[in-house]
Protein backbone atom coordinates (compact mmCIF):
# COMPACT_ATOMS: atom_id res chain seq x y z
CA UNK A 1 0.00 0.00 0.00
CA UNK A 2 1.50 3.18 -1.09
CA UNK A 3 1.72 6.25 1.28
CA UNK A 4 1.21 9.83 0.04
CA UNK A 5 3.96 12.23 0.89
CA UNK A 6 2.39 15.59 2.18
CA UNK A 7 3.77 18.96 1.18
CA UNK A 8 4.80 21.20 4.04
CA UNK A 9 2.31 24.00 4.77
CA UNK A 10 3.90 27.44 4.40
CA UNK A 11 3.23 29.94 7.18
CA UNK A 12 1.97 33.39 6.30
CA UNK A 13 4.50 36.13 6.86
CA UNK A 14 3.75 38.84 9.41
CA UNK A 15 1.50 41.57 8.05
CA UNK A 16 0.09 39.44 5.24
CA UNK A 17 -3.44 40.26 4.15
CA UNK A 18 -5.60 38.02 2.02
CA UNK A 19 -6.56 39.95 -1.14
CA UNK A 20 -9.88 38.09 -1.35
CA UNK A 21 -11.11 39.55 1.92
CA UNK A 22 -13.13 42.86 1.81
CA UNK A 23 -11.25 45.99 2.78
CA UNK A 24 -12.67 47.92 5.75
CA UNK A 25 -11.62 51.61 5.94
CA UNK A 26 -10.84 52.92 9.37
CA UNK A 27 -12.63 56.18 10.40
CA UNK A 28 -10.46 59.28 10.32
CA UNK A 29 -10.17 61.40 13.43
CA UNK A 30 -11.00 65.14 13.13
CA UNK A 31 -7.96 67.39 12.88
CA UNK A 32 -6.80 68.73 16.17
CA UNK A 33 -6.73 72.46 16.73
CA UNK A 34 -3.34 73.91 17.44
CA UNK A 35 -2.84 74.61 21.09
CA UNK A 36 -2.12 78.32 21.59
CA UNK A 37 0.28 79.49 24.25
CA UNK A 38 -1.25 80.84 27.44
CA UNK A 39 0.17 84.33 26.79
CA UNK A 40 -1.80 84.67 23.52
CA UNK A 41 -5.05 83.69 25.24
CA UNK A 42 -4.51 86.35 27.90
CA UNK A 43 -3.86 89.01 25.24
CA UNK A 44 -7.14 88.19 23.49
CA UNK A 45 -9.04 88.44 26.76
CA UNK A 46 -7.40 91.78 27.56
CA UNK A 47 -8.22 93.16 24.13
CA UNK A 48 -11.85 92.18 24.43
CA UNK A 49 -12.06 93.75 27.91
CA UNK A 50 -10.47 96.98 26.63
CA UNK A 51 -12.94 97.16 23.74
CA UNK A 52 -15.87 96.72 26.11
CA UNK A 53 -14.44 99.40 28.41
CA UNK A 54 -13.94 101.84 25.52
CA UNK A 55 -17.47 101.27 24.25
CA UNK A 56 -18.89 101.80 27.73
CA UNK A 57 -16.93 105.05 28.20
CA UNK A 58 -18.00 106.32 24.78
CA UNK A 59 -21.67 105.62 25.49
CA UNK A 60 -21.38 107.21 28.95
CA UNK A 61 -19.77 110.40 27.58
CA UNK A 62 -22.36 110.58 24.80
CA UNK A 63 -25.23 110.28 27.29
CA UNK A 64 -23.58 112.87 29.58
CA UNK A 65 -23.23 115.38 26.73
CA UNK A 66 -26.84 114.78 25.74
CA UNK A 67 -28.09 115.31 29.30
CA UNK A 68 -26.03 118.52 29.71
CA UNK A 69 -27.27 119.86 26.36
CA UNK A 70 -30.90 119.18 27.22
CA UNK A 71 -30.49 120.68 30.71
CA UNK A 72 -28.87 123.82 29.29
CA UNK A 73 -31.61 124.20 26.71
CA UNK A 74 -34.34 123.82 29.35
CA UNK A 75 -32.52 126.32 31.62
CA UNK A 76 -32.32 128.96 28.89
CA UNK A 77 -35.91 128.45 27.77
CA UNK A 78 -37.29 128.62 31.30
CA UNK A 79 -35.15 131.34 32.92
CA UNK A 80 -34.16 133.36 29.81
CA UNK A 81 -30.89 134.62 31.43
CA UNK A 82 -29.58 138.07 30.48
CA UNK A 83 -26.25 139.74 31.18
CA UNK A 84 -26.07 142.57 33.72
CA UNK A 85 -25.93 146.08 32.31
CA UNK A 86 -23.39 148.66 33.54
CA UNK A 87 -23.52 152.43 32.94
CA UNK A 88 -21.09 155.12 34.04
CA UNK A 89 -23.57 157.28 35.92
CA UNK A 90 -21.30 160.15 36.95
CA UNK A 91 -17.67 161.10 37.43
CA UNK A 92 -16.12 164.11 39.15
CA UNK A 93 -12.92 165.43 40.72
CA UNK A 94 -13.51 166.68 44.29
CA UNK A 95 -9.82 167.57 44.30
CA UNK A 96 -7.43 168.10 41.39
CA UNK A 97 -4.13 169.95 41.52
CA UNK A 98 -0.84 169.88 39.68
CA UNK A 99 2.04 171.48 41.59
CA UNK A 100 5.24 172.40 39.78
CA UNK A 101 8.50 171.81 41.64
CA UNK A 102 12.15 171.81 40.53
CA UNK A 103 12.27 168.00 40.35
CA UNK A 104 8.98 167.74 38.43
CA UNK A 105 5.22 168.10 38.68
CA UNK A 106 3.25 166.53 41.53
CA UNK A 107 -0.32 165.38 41.02
CA UNK A 108 -2.83 165.32 43.85
CA UNK A 109 -6.22 164.03 42.80
CA UNK A 110 -9.40 162.60 44.28
CA UNK A 111 -12.13 161.06 42.14
CA UNK A 112 -15.78 160.28 42.79
CA UNK A 113 -17.39 157.70 40.49
CA UNK A 114 -20.89 156.27 40.35
CA UNK A 115 -21.65 153.15 38.31
CA UNK A 116 -25.20 151.96 37.72
CA UNK A 117 -25.70 148.17 37.74
CA UNK A 118 -28.94 146.78 36.32
CA UNK A 119 -30.23 143.20 36.64
CA UNK A 120 -32.72 142.67 33.77
CA UNK A 121 -33.63 139.11 34.83
CA UNK A 122 -37.03 138.37 36.32
CA UNK A 123 -36.16 134.92 37.72
CA UNK A 124 -32.43 135.13 38.50
CA UNK A 125 -30.34 137.02 41.05
CA UNK A 126 -26.70 138.09 40.71
CA UNK A 127 -24.12 137.43 43.44
CA UNK A 128 -21.13 139.76 43.03
CA UNK A 129 -17.83 139.09 44.74
CA UNK A 130 -15.40 141.66 46.12
CA UNK A 131 -14.49 144.22 43.46
CA UNK A 132 -11.44 146.36 42.75
CA UNK A 133 -11.93 149.71 41.01
CA UNK A 134 -9.09 151.42 39.11
CA UNK A 135 -9.26 154.98 37.72
CA UNK A 136 -6.73 156.28 35.20
CA UNK A 137 -6.21 158.48 32.14
CA UNK A 138 -3.99 158.50 29.06
CA UNK A 139 -4.48 162.19 28.32
CA UNK A 140 -1.07 163.10 29.70
CA UNK A 141 0.83 160.99 27.17
CA UNK A 142 1.30 157.44 25.97
CA UNK A 143 1.52 155.95 29.46
CA UNK A 144 -1.48 155.76 31.77
CA UNK A 145 -1.55 158.09 34.76
CA UNK A 146 -3.05 156.48 37.82
CA UNK A 147 -5.84 158.27 39.67
CA UNK A 148 -5.96 155.70 42.46
CA UNK A 149 -7.87 152.50 43.22
CA UNK A 150 -10.26 151.19 45.85
CA UNK A 151 -12.03 147.98 46.89
CA UNK A 152 -15.76 147.36 47.19
CA UNK A 153 -17.33 144.46 49.15
CA UNK A 154 -19.50 141.94 47.34
CA UNK A 155 -23.28 142.11 47.28
CA UNK A 156 -26.36 140.28 46.00
CA UNK A 157 -28.56 141.98 43.42
CA UNK A 158 -32.23 141.01 43.40
CA UNK A 159 -34.41 140.39 40.35
CA UNK A 160 -35.21 143.43 38.17
CA UNK A 161 -33.08 145.57 40.47
CA UNK A 162 -31.04 148.70 39.76
CA UNK A 163 -28.10 149.43 42.09
CA UNK A 164 -25.85 152.51 42.13
CA UNK A 165 -22.27 151.90 43.30
CA UNK A 166 -20.12 154.73 44.62
CA UNK A 167 -16.31 154.66 44.33
CA UNK A 168 -13.85 157.13 45.83
CA UNK A 169 -10.16 157.00 44.87
CA UNK A 170 -7.21 159.29 45.44
CA UNK A 171 -3.58 159.72 44.50
CA UNK A 172 -1.25 161.90 46.56
CA UNK A 173 2.03 163.51 45.48
CA UNK A 174 2.36 161.45 42.30
CA UNK A 175 5.41 162.57 40.33
CA UNK A 176 4.65 163.12 36.64
CA UNK A 177 6.46 164.75 33.73
CA UNK A 178 6.26 168.51 33.33
CA UNK A 179 4.65 168.31 29.89
CA UNK A 180 2.08 165.77 31.10
CA UNK A 181 1.27 167.90 34.12
CA UNK A 182 0.60 170.99 32.04
CA UNK A 183 -1.59 169.03 29.61
CA UNK A 184 -3.61 167.41 32.42
CA UNK A 185 -4.22 170.78 34.01
CA UNK A 186 -5.41 172.31 30.74
CA UNK A 187 -7.74 169.39 29.89
CA UNK A 188 -9.20 169.38 33.39
CA UNK A 189 -10.01 173.07 33.23
CA UNK A 190 -11.93 172.81 29.94
CA UNK A 191 -13.55 169.45 30.92
CA UNK A 192 -11.98 167.53 28.05
CA UNK A 193 -9.96 165.21 30.28
CA UNK A 194 -10.80 161.60 29.33
CA UNK A 195 -10.90 159.04 32.12
CA UNK A 196 -10.97 155.25 32.21
CA UNK A 197 -12.83 153.28 34.88
CA UNK A 198 -12.11 149.55 35.29
CA UNK A 199 -14.01 147.35 37.75
CA UNK A 200 -12.52 143.89 38.33
CA UNK A 201 -14.99 141.53 39.98
CA UNK A 202 -16.72 138.13 39.80
CA UNK A 203 -20.38 137.20 39.47
CA UNK A 204 -22.52 134.10 39.87
CA UNK A 205 -26.17 133.35 39.16
CA UNK A 206 -28.61 132.55 41.93
CA UNK A 207 -31.86 130.59 41.65
CA UNK A 208 -33.68 130.24 44.95
CA UNK A 209 -31.21 128.65 47.34
CA UNK A 210 -28.93 127.42 44.55
CA UNK A 211 -25.91 129.51 43.50
CA UNK A 212 -23.68 129.08 40.50
CA UNK A 213 -19.91 129.23 40.86
CA UNK A 214 -18.69 132.84 40.31
CA UNK A 215 -16.92 133.76 37.08
CA UNK A 216 -14.35 136.57 36.90
CA UNK A 217 -14.99 139.54 34.63
CA UNK A 218 -13.99 143.17 34.07
CA UNK A 219 -16.20 146.18 33.46
CA UNK A 220 -14.48 148.82 31.32
CA UNK A 221 -15.82 152.36 30.98
CA UNK A 222 -13.14 154.12 29.00
CA UNK A 223 -12.19 157.21 27.01
CA UNK A 224 -15.05 159.42 28.15
CA UNK A 225 -14.54 163.10 28.87
CA UNK A 226 -16.16 165.04 31.69
CA UNK A 227 -18.05 167.13 29.15
CA UNK A 228 -19.65 164.06 27.50
CA UNK A 229 -20.66 162.63 30.89
CA UNK A 230 -22.76 165.70 31.59
CA UNK A 231 -25.04 164.97 28.62
CA UNK A 232 -25.20 161.15 28.59
CA UNK A 233 -24.78 158.05 30.72
CA UNK A 234 -22.53 155.82 28.56
CA UNK A 235 -22.79 152.06 28.64
CA UNK A 236 -19.76 150.10 29.81
CA UNK A 237 -18.22 147.00 28.24
CA UNK A 238 -18.06 143.61 29.97
CA UNK A 239 -14.76 141.80 29.35
CA UNK A 240 -14.38 138.09 30.11
CA UNK A 241 -11.30 135.85 29.82
CA UNK A 242 -9.30 138.92 28.65
CA UNK A 243 -10.44 138.59 25.02
CA UNK A 244 -14.25 138.42 25.00
CA UNK A 245 -16.01 141.81 24.99
CA UNK A 246 -19.75 141.93 25.63
CA UNK A 247 -21.65 145.19 25.26
């Protein structure tokens, strides 16, 4: 009886895949986002916070401007505020003398000034601070010649009120040039001497018990001769911030 000789069975190598078997595709994982450093994340958060802060500040300022504008408009429509009116009521020299001496001319002068202050407002009062009054003239030459100064205490002016303020100044033994002294004496005698009155003060509005913060201003009544004052009561100019003139 004959025996069959079997062929040795070959082993499959590692990684061998039968081509007859169906191929199954493995699912792909989604791509991973790159991991940012911690410093970049903090910068983004800071930028977003800054933008929110800027937007909030802008909206706040816009609302504030709108509220102030509406309040100012309502204030003007309701109270109809008007500026005070100043007139140079009178001016005189109770004493005026120019004495000639070898070293020059000496001026002795005393002035009496009255300024009328009118409050045209029917709903507002004016609170004036302490005032300084300066009297001078440029008739003697290019430089101003001082006729003295004085101080006046503050006061409150009621609605639709007219107040007359009296100022007295003097200058004693003021040395001036000989030519200026002779010219001053001649102009004083014929009442053509021009004087300048400056009142430096501050004023604030008052509504009931509420008072506005005072604002500095100057009242200028200038270049008016004694002869012109006898026939008219000239209006003075209000000067604010040194460059705004209000008549």
